[in-house]
C-alpha atoms as a PDB file:
ATOM      1  CA  MET A   1       0.000   0.000   0.000  1.00  0.00           C
ATOM      2  CA  SER A   2       1.415   3.446  -0.989  1.00  0.00           C
ATOM      3  CA  ASP A   3       1.850   6.409   1.374  1.00  0.00           C
ATOM      4  CA  GLN A   4      -0.929   8.262  -0.447  1.00  0.00           C
ATOM      5  CA  GLN A   5      -3.372   5.553   0.496  1.00  0.00           C
ATOM      6  CA  LYS A   6      -2.236   5.610   4.155  1.00  0.00           C
ATOM      7  CA  GLN A   7      -2.570   9.397   4.621  1.00  0.00           C
ATOM      8  CA  PRO A   8      -5.988  11.043   4.913  1.00  0.00           C
ATOM      9  CA  LEU A   9      -6.737  13.306   1.913  1.00  0.00           C
ATOM     10  CA  ALA A  10      -7.651  16.254   4.170  1.00  0.00           C
ATOM     11  CA  ARG A  11      -4.128  16.272   5.634  1.00  0.00           C
ATOM     12  CA  THR A  12      -2.148  15.865   2.399  1.00  0.00           C
ATOM     13  CA  LEU A  13      -4.182  18.060   0.030  1.00  0.00           C
ATOM     14  CA  SER A  14      -2.849  21.312   1.508  1.00  0.00           C
ATOM     15  CA  ALA A  15       0.773  20.138   1.285  1.00  0.00           C
ATOM     16  CA  PHE A  16       0.205  18.910  -2.279  1.00  0.00           C
ATOM     17  CA  ALA A  17      -1.254  22.301  -3.332  1.00  0.00           C
ATOM     18  CA  SER A  18       1.595  24.199  -1.648  1.00  0.00           C
ATOM     19  CA  GLY A  19       4.149  22.006  -3.408  1.00  0.00           C
ATOM     20  CA  LYS A  20       2.552  22.593  -6.813  1.00  0.00           C
ATOM     21  CA  ALA A  21       2.421  26.361  -6.182  1.00  0.00           C
ATOM     22  CA  ALA A  22       6.098  26.369  -5.192  1.00  0.00           C
ATOM     23  CA  ASP A  23       6.962  24.460  -8.392  1.00  0.00           C
ATOM     24  CA  GLU A  24       5.210  27.107 -10.520  1.00  0.00           C
ATOM     25  CA  ILE A  25       6.831  29.992  -8.632  1.00  0.00           C
ATOM     26  CA  ALA A  26      10.256  28.422  -9.285  1.00  0.00           C
ATOM     27  CA  LYS A  27       9.544  28.645 -13.034  1.00  0.00           C
ATOM     28  CA  ILE A  28       9.036  32.414 -12.901  1.00  0.00           C
ATOM     29  CA  GLY A  29      12.029  34.362 -14.176  1.00  0.00           C
ATOM     30  CA  LEU A  30      14.273  35.810 -11.513  1.00  0.00           C
ATOM     31  CA  ARG A  31      15.081  39.522 -11.236  1.00  0.00           C
ATOM     32  CA  LEU A  32      18.541  39.687  -9.739  1.00  0.00           C
ATOM     33  CA  PRO A  33      21.182  42.357  -9.004  1.00  0.00           C
ATOM     34  CA  GLY A  34      24.653  41.969 -10.413  1.00  0.00           C
ATOM     35  CA  HIS A  35      27.566  43.507 -12.275  1.00  0.00           C
ATOM     36  CA  VAL A  36      28.826  43.317 -15.841  1.00  0.00           C
ATOM     37  CA  THR A  37      31.830  41.057 -16.452  1.00  0.00           C
ATOM     38  CA  ALA A  38      32.063  41.314 -20.265  1.00  0.00           C
ATOM     39  CA  VAL A  39      30.675  43.589 -22.982  1.00  0.00           C
ATOM     40  CA  SER A  40      30.178  42.870 -26.679  1.00  0.00           C
ATOM     41  CA  GLY A  41      28.265  45.732 -28.272  1.00  0.00           C
ATOM     42  CA  SER A  42      24.792  45.733 -26.695  1.00  0.00           C
ATOM     43  CA  ILE A  43      25.239  42.246 -25.242  1.00  0.00           C
ATOM     44  CA  VAL A  44      26.667  41.768 -21.749  1.00  0.00           C
ATOM     45  CA  THR A  45      27.716  38.913 -19.516  1.00  0.00           C
ATOM     46  CA  VAL A  46      26.574  39.395 -15.943  1.00  0.00           C
ATOM     47  CA  ASN A  47      27.721  37.970 -12.629  1.00  0.00           C
ATOM     48  CA  PHE A  48      24.854  37.909 -10.125  1.00  0.00           C
ATOM     49  CA  ASP A  49      25.548  39.477  -6.726  1.00  0.00           C
ATOM     50  CA  VAL A  50      23.272  37.476  -4.440  1.00  0.00           C
ATOM     51  CA  ALA A  51      24.691  36.394  -1.078  1.00  0.00           C
ATOM     52  CA  GLY A  52      24.560  32.703  -0.275  1.00  0.00           C
ATOM     53  CA  VAL A  53      23.531  31.632  -3.778  1.00  0.00           C
ATOM     54  CA  LYS A  54      25.856  30.496  -6.584  1.00  0.00           C
ATOM     55  CA  ILE A  55      24.327  31.353  -9.968  1.00  0.00           C
ATOM     56  CA  GLN A  56      26.295  30.941 -13.175  1.00  0.00           C
ATOM     57  CA  GLN A  57      27.129  34.039 -15.204  1.00  0.00           C
ATOM     58  CA  MET A  58      24.596  34.759 -17.942  1.00  0.00           C
ATOM     59  CA  THR A  59      24.861  36.529 -21.297  1.00  0.00           C
ATOM     60  CA  MET A  60      21.948  38.817 -22.187  1.00  0.00           C
ATOM     61  CA  ALA A  61      20.959  41.901 -24.153  1.00  0.00           C
ATOM     62  CA  VAL A  62      21.020  45.370 -22.597  1.00  0.00           C
ATOM     63  CA  ALA A  63      17.574  46.991 -22.295  1.00  0.00           C
ATOM     64  CA  THR A  64      18.296  49.817 -24.729  1.00  0.00           C
ATOM     65  CA  SER A  65      17.454  51.230 -28.145  1.00  0.00           C
ATOM     66  CA  LYS A  66      19.622  51.100 -31.261  1.00  0.00           C
ATOM     67  CA  TYR A  67      19.278  54.898 -31.467  1.00  0.00           C
ATOM     68  CA  CYS A  68      20.701  55.734 -28.031  1.00  0.00           C
ATOM     69  CA  ARG A  69      23.162  53.276 -26.528  1.00  0.00           C
ATOM     70  CA  GLU A  70      24.793  53.695 -23.161  1.00  0.00           C
ATOM     71  CA  PRO A  71      28.510  52.916 -22.971  1.00  0.00           C
ATOM     72  CA  ILE A  72      28.161  49.925 -20.628  1.00  0.00           C
ATOM     73  CA  GLN A  73      31.513  48.988 -19.042  1.00  0.00           C
ATOM     74  CA  VAL A  74      32.824  45.997 -17.106  1.00  0.00           C
ATOM     75  CA  ASP A  75      31.870  46.345 -13.402  1.00  0.00           C
ATOM     76  CA  ASP A  76      28.791  48.525 -14.126  1.00  0.00           C
ATOM     77  CA  LEU A  77      26.004  47.712 -11.680  1.00  0.00           C
ATOM     78  CA  GLY A  78      22.387  46.942 -12.456  1.00  0.00           C
ATOM     79  CA  PHE A  79      19.897  44.114 -12.435  1.00  0.00           C
ATOM     80  CA  ALA A  80      18.605  41.452 -14.761  1.00  0.00           C
ATOM     81  CA  THR A  81      14.883  41.322 -15.344  1.00  0.00           C
ATOM     82  CA  THR A  82      12.773  38.922 -17.345  1.00  0.00           C
ATOM     83  CA  ALA A  83      10.373  38.995 -20.243  1.00  0.00           C
ATOM     84  CA  ASP A  84       7.242  36.878 -20.451  1.00  0.00           C
ATOM     85  CA  ALA A  85       8.152  35.477 -23.872  1.00  0.00           C
ATOM     86  CA  TYR A  86      11.230  34.171 -25.674  1.00  0.00           C
ATOM     87  CA  LEU A  87      13.692  36.954 -26.700  1.00  0.00           C
ATOM     88  CA  GLY A  88      16.349  35.042 -28.653  1.00  0.00           C
ATOM     89  CA  GLY A  89      15.058  35.977 -32.106  1.00  0.00           C
ATOM     90  CA  ILE A  90      14.937  39.687 -31.248  1.00  0.00           C
ATOM     91  CA  THR A  91      18.277  39.933 -29.414  1.00  0.00           C
ATOM     92  CA  GLY A  92      20.249  37.773 -31.832  1.00  0.00           C
ATOM     93  CA  LEU A  93      21.208  35.410 -28.999  1.00  0.00           C
ATOM     94  CA  GLY A  94      18.984  32.723 -30.498  1.00  0.00           C
ATOM     95  CA  GLY A  95      16.693  32.242 -33.420  1.00  0.00           C
ATOM     96  CA  GLY A  96      13.049  31.847 -34.216  1.00  0.00           C
ATOM     97  CA  ALA A  97       9.979  33.758 -33.213  1.00  0.00           C
ATOM     98  CA  ALA A  98       8.809  34.707 -29.749  1.00  0.00           C
ATOM     99  CA  ASP A  99       6.403  32.279 -28.140  1.00  0.00           C
ATOM    100  CA  LEU A 100       5.038  31.572 -24.691  1.00  0.00           C
ATOM    101  CA  THR A 101       6.682  28.177 -24.268  1.00  0.00           C
ATOM    102  CA  GLN A 102       7.915  27.887 -20.693  1.00  0.00           C
ATOM    103  CA  ARG A 103      11.677  28.564 -20.703  1.00  0.00           C
ATOM    104  CA  GLY A 104      14.277  28.209 -17.997  1.00  0.00           C
ATOM    105  CA  ASN A 105      13.943  30.936 -15.372  1.00  0.00           C
ATOM    106  CA  LEU A 106      17.200  32.636 -16.453  1.00  0.00           C
ATOM    107  CA  SER A 107      16.765  32.330 -20.228  1.00  0.00           C
ATOM    108  CA  THR A 108      14.609  35.424 -20.906  1.00  0.00           C
ATOM    109  CA  LEU A 109      16.768  37.992 -19.120  1.00  0.00           C
ATOM    110  CA  VAL A 110      17.665  41.551 -20.136  1.00  0.00           C
ATOM    111  CA  TRP A 111      20.169  43.850 -18.383  1.00  0.00           C
ATOM    112  CA  VAL A 112      19.052  47.148 -16.874  1.00  0.00           C
ATOM    113  CA  PRO A 113      21.743  49.557 -15.551  1.00  0.00           C
ATOM    114  CA  LEU A 114      20.956  51.239 -12.217  1.00  0.00           C
ATOM    115  CA  GLY A 115      21.785  54.673 -10.813  1.00  0.00           C
ATOM    116  CA  ASN A 116      23.812  55.145  -7.658  1.00  0.00           C
ATOM    117  CA  LYS A 117      23.665  57.816  -4.939  1.00  0.00           C
ATOM    118  CA  ASN A 118      27.477  58.049  -4.940  1.00  0.00           C
ATOM    119  CA  TRP A 119      27.676  59.332  -8.520  1.00  0.00           C
ATOM    120  CA  ASN A 120      28.386  63.016  -9.204  1.00  0.00           C
ATOM    121  CA  ALA A 121      25.226  65.119  -9.186  1.00  0.00           C
ATOM    122  CA  VAL A 122      24.091  66.513 -12.541  1.00  0.00           C
ATOM    123  CA  ASP A 123      21.405  69.024 -13.484  1.00  0.00           C
ATOM    124  CA  SER A 124      18.232  66.931 -13.695  1.00  0.00           C
ATOM    125  CA  SER A 125      16.667  69.391 -16.149  1.00  0.00           C
ATOM    126  CA  SER A 126      19.341  68.639 -18.771  1.00  0.00           C
ATOM    127  CA  MET A 127      20.710  65.620 -20.568  1.00  0.00           C
ATOM    128  CA  HIS A 128      24.227  64.797 -19.391  1.00  0.00           C
ATOM    129  CA  LEU A 129      26.650  62.640 -21.413  1.00  0.00           C
ATOM    130  CA  GLU A 130      30.023  61.724 -19.984  1.00  0.00           C
ATOM    131  CA  SER A 131      32.991  59.665 -21.180  1.00  0.00           C
ATOM    132  CA  ALA A 132      33.969  56.642 -19.107  1.00  0.00           C
ATOM    133  CA  ASN A 133      36.902  58.547 -17.566  1.00  0.00           C
ATOM    134  CA  GLY A 134      34.704  61.591 -16.826  1.00  0.00           C
ATOM    135  CA  LEU A 135      36.938  64.029 -18.725  1.00  0.00           C
ATOM    136  CA  PHE A 136      34.634  64.691 -21.694  1.00  0.00           C
ATOM    137  CA  THR A 137      31.068  65.897 -21.034  1.00  0.00           C
ATOM    138  CA  VAL A 138      28.155  67.176 -23.086  1.00  0.00           C
ATOM    139  CA  ASP A 139      25.153  68.857 -21.452  1.00  0.00           C
ATOM    140  CA  VAL A 140      21.989  69.547 -23.433  1.00  0.00           C
ATOM    141  CA  ALA A 141      19.550  71.875 -21.656  1.00  0.00           C
ATOM    142  CA  ASN A 142      16.738  74.228 -22.602  1.00  0.00           C
ATOM    143  CA  GLY A 143      19.288  77.066 -22.803  1.00  0.00           C
ATOM    144  CA  GLY A 144      21.707  75.320 -25.169  1.00  0.00           C
ATOM    145  CA  ILE A 145      24.519  72.795 -25.483  1.00  0.00           C
ATOM    146  CA  THR A 146      27.803  72.815 -23.554  1.00  0.00           C
ATOM    147  CA  MET A 147      30.794  70.601 -24.360  1.00  0.00           C
ATOM    148  CA  SER A 148      33.589  70.444 -21.801  1.00  0.00           C
ATOM    149  CA  TYR A 149      36.951  68.772 -21.320  1.00  0.00           C
ATOM    150  CA  ASN A 150      38.314  68.259 -17.816  1.00  0.00           C
ATOM    151  CA  GLY A 151      35.936  70.887 -16.399  1.00  0.00           C
ATOM    152  CA  SER A 152      36.781  73.604 -18.959  1.00  0.00           C
ATOM    153  CA  VAL A 153      34.073  74.679 -21.395  1.00  0.00           C
ATOM    154  CA  MET A 154      35.314  74.063 -24.933  1.00  0.00           C
ATOM    155  CA  LEU A 155      32.132  74.766 -26.939  1.00  0.00           C
ATOM    156  CA  GLU A 156      28.888  76.460 -25.974  1.00  0.00           C
ATOM    157  CA  ILE A 157      25.886  76.888 -28.254  1.00  0.00           C
ATOM    158  CA  THR A 158      22.946  79.016 -27.161  1.00  0.00           C
ATOM    159  CA  SER A 159      20.198  80.831 -29.009  1.00  0.00           C
ATOM    160  CA  GLY A 160      22.066  83.042 -31.474  1.00  0.00           C
ATOM    161  CA  THR A 161      25.607  82.517 -30.155  1.00  0.00           C
ATOM    162  CA  VAL A 162      28.390  79.995 -30.549  1.00  0.00           C
ATOM    163  CA  THR A 163      31.402  80.264 -28.253  1.00  0.00           C
ATOM    164  CA  ILE A 164      34.527  78.195 -28.902  1.00  0.00           C
ATOM    165  CA  GLN A 165      37.105  78.195 -26.112  1.00  0.00           C
ATOM    166  CA  GLY A 166      35.759  81.516 -24.828  1.00  0.00           C
ATOM    167  CA  LYS A 167      35.694  83.276 -28.207  1.00  0.00           C
ATOM    168  CA  THR A 168      32.390  84.239 -29.801  1.00  0.00           C
ATOM    169  CA  PHE A 169      32.215  82.638 -33.222  1.00  0.00           C
ATOM    170  CA  LEU A 170      29.042  83.944 -34.879  1.00  0.00           C
ATOM    171  CA  THR A 171      30.245  87.558 -34.804  1.00  0.00           C
ATOM    172  CA  HIS A 172      33.214  86.575 -36.981  1.00  0.00           C
ATOM    173  CA  GLU A 173      32.507  87.752 -40.518  1.00  0.00           C
ATOM    174  CA  HIS A 174      34.284  88.964 -43.640  1.00  0.00           C
ATOM    175  CA  GLN A 175      33.656  92.266 -45.324  1.00  0.00           C
ATOM    176  CA  ALA A 176      31.891  92.120 -48.638  1.00  0.00           C
ATOM    177  CA  GLY A 177      34.077  92.626 -51.688  1.00  0.00           C
ATOM    178  CA  THR A 178      36.242  90.995 -54.266  1.00  0.00           C
ATOM    179  CA  TYR A 179      39.359  89.576 -52.709  1.00  0.00           C
ATOM    180  CA  VAL A 180      42.694  89.819 -54.462  1.00  0.00           C
ATOM    181  CA  VAL A 181      44.241  86.377 -54.099  1.00  0.00           C
ATOM    182  CA  SER A 182      47.652  87.251 -55.539  1.00  0.00           C
ATOM    183  CA  SER A 183      48.306  89.929 -52.903  1.00  0.00           C
ATOM    184  CA  SER A 184      50.269  89.101 -49.786  1.00  0.00           C
ATOM    185  CA  PRO A 185      48.652  89.316 -47.326  1.00  0.00           C
ATOM    186  CA  VAL A 186      45.380  88.666 -49.121  1.00  0.00           C
ATOM    187  CA  THR A 187      43.347  91.901 -49.171  1.00  0.00           C
ATOM    188  CA  GLY A 188      39.842  92.781 -50.247  1.00  0.00           C
ATOM    189  CA  ASP A 189      38.894  95.572 -52.540  1.00  0.00           C
ATOM    190  CA  SER A 190      37.937  97.548 -49.449  1.00  0.00           C
ATOM    191  CA  GLY A 191      41.531  97.265 -48.284  1.00  0.00           C
ATOM    192  CA  ALA A 192      40.688  94.901 -45.411  1.00  0.00           C
ATOM    193  CA  VAL A 193      43.300  92.258 -44.630  1.00  0.00           C
ATOM    194  CA  VAL A 194      41.754  88.783 -44.548  1.00  0.00           C
END
């Protein structure tokens, strides 16, 4: 006689239902924190940073657009999240069309970078781009565009003005006239040296 026949149904039904629910929960994709260990274009390999659990590194696409790609670097922090359908055909990490076939709980992951309170503060009303070493920056705000190197403004564009290394550029103009190329220095018919 089996154990199921020896145990009253009222006692085992609850445990059976809990076990089945736990099995289904285990199939749900995991959303885990981690850091990037390798980068290949918009595909990254991620090591999961979860204490007490050993999870193999996974390769996945970055959650981004082909029109605006962040310069993801090794050691960047973020988390992996899951999709409800197969992503291999879209990301290039597999083939075929998306379907709802149950996949392994780490096979539909995408990488999402996360912000950090220890980063330098930037103006939240502008778009800030920065090189990996922090030396080159571009800020786009309602008032214009500023490009800097190592904290010094190199180019500034605002409504009606362009400033390059502190010199106003749009006020630079030549006088009208026919220029005499053979003269040295080159002069215009108004006598202006150009």
